[in-house]
Amino acid sequence: MLLLLLSCAVANAQQPAVQGIRVPYGMAWGDSPEKVRDMIRAVKAQETGFSTKSPGKDVLEAQGLAVGDPLLKKSLFTFREGSLVEIEMQYGDSAWDAEKTLDFFDRTRRRINDRYGTGTLLVNQIKERPSGEKVPEGMSYTLIVYEWSQPSVNLQLDYYAVEEKEKALRLVSLHYKTP
């Protein structure tokens, strides 16, 4: 019995402690659009859009929040009934090909696993053909989504790519959401 307790203690000591996921930018769930705007102004970033997506759901778009991270292209703040419920951070580099973008996605996934424990694979659709009559010949999309859930925050890591013969859109994004 003592041997069993000791082996469990050693196994637990070798596993890194899982950290709590924090809402980015020092924000908190329920913050108002004005509080987000104050944060954007304080770091000398810029609001690039504010739109209503559906009744009671607004999205504020910002650029310039990439302090020390040139790969962060844009941040989206989603509000329901005026309360912050999601922050999406979009990353990418137009010079990257599919391999470099997937490598960035995988390195990001491993870093998040190290901090918060192993994520759950939610979606794994690779080189799928979109349905529809007006879809160009040779177009495909890839969607890979991992999730880490904690009592106060859900974190999703998405890789999204749409590719045609001569052009492609590739995006890696982090979505911090209320659970």
Foldseek 3Di string as FASTA:
>chain_A
DVVVVVVVVVVVVPQDDADDDDDPLPDAWFDFPVVVVVSCVVQPWDWDDWDAPDVQKIKIKIADPQVVHPQFGIKIFIGGNGTTFKIKTKGDDQPDDPVVLVVVLVVVQVVNCSHHNHWAWDDFAPFDQDDDDPGDPAKGKTWTKTWGDDQAWIKIWIWIKIDHDPDMDIIIMIMIGGD
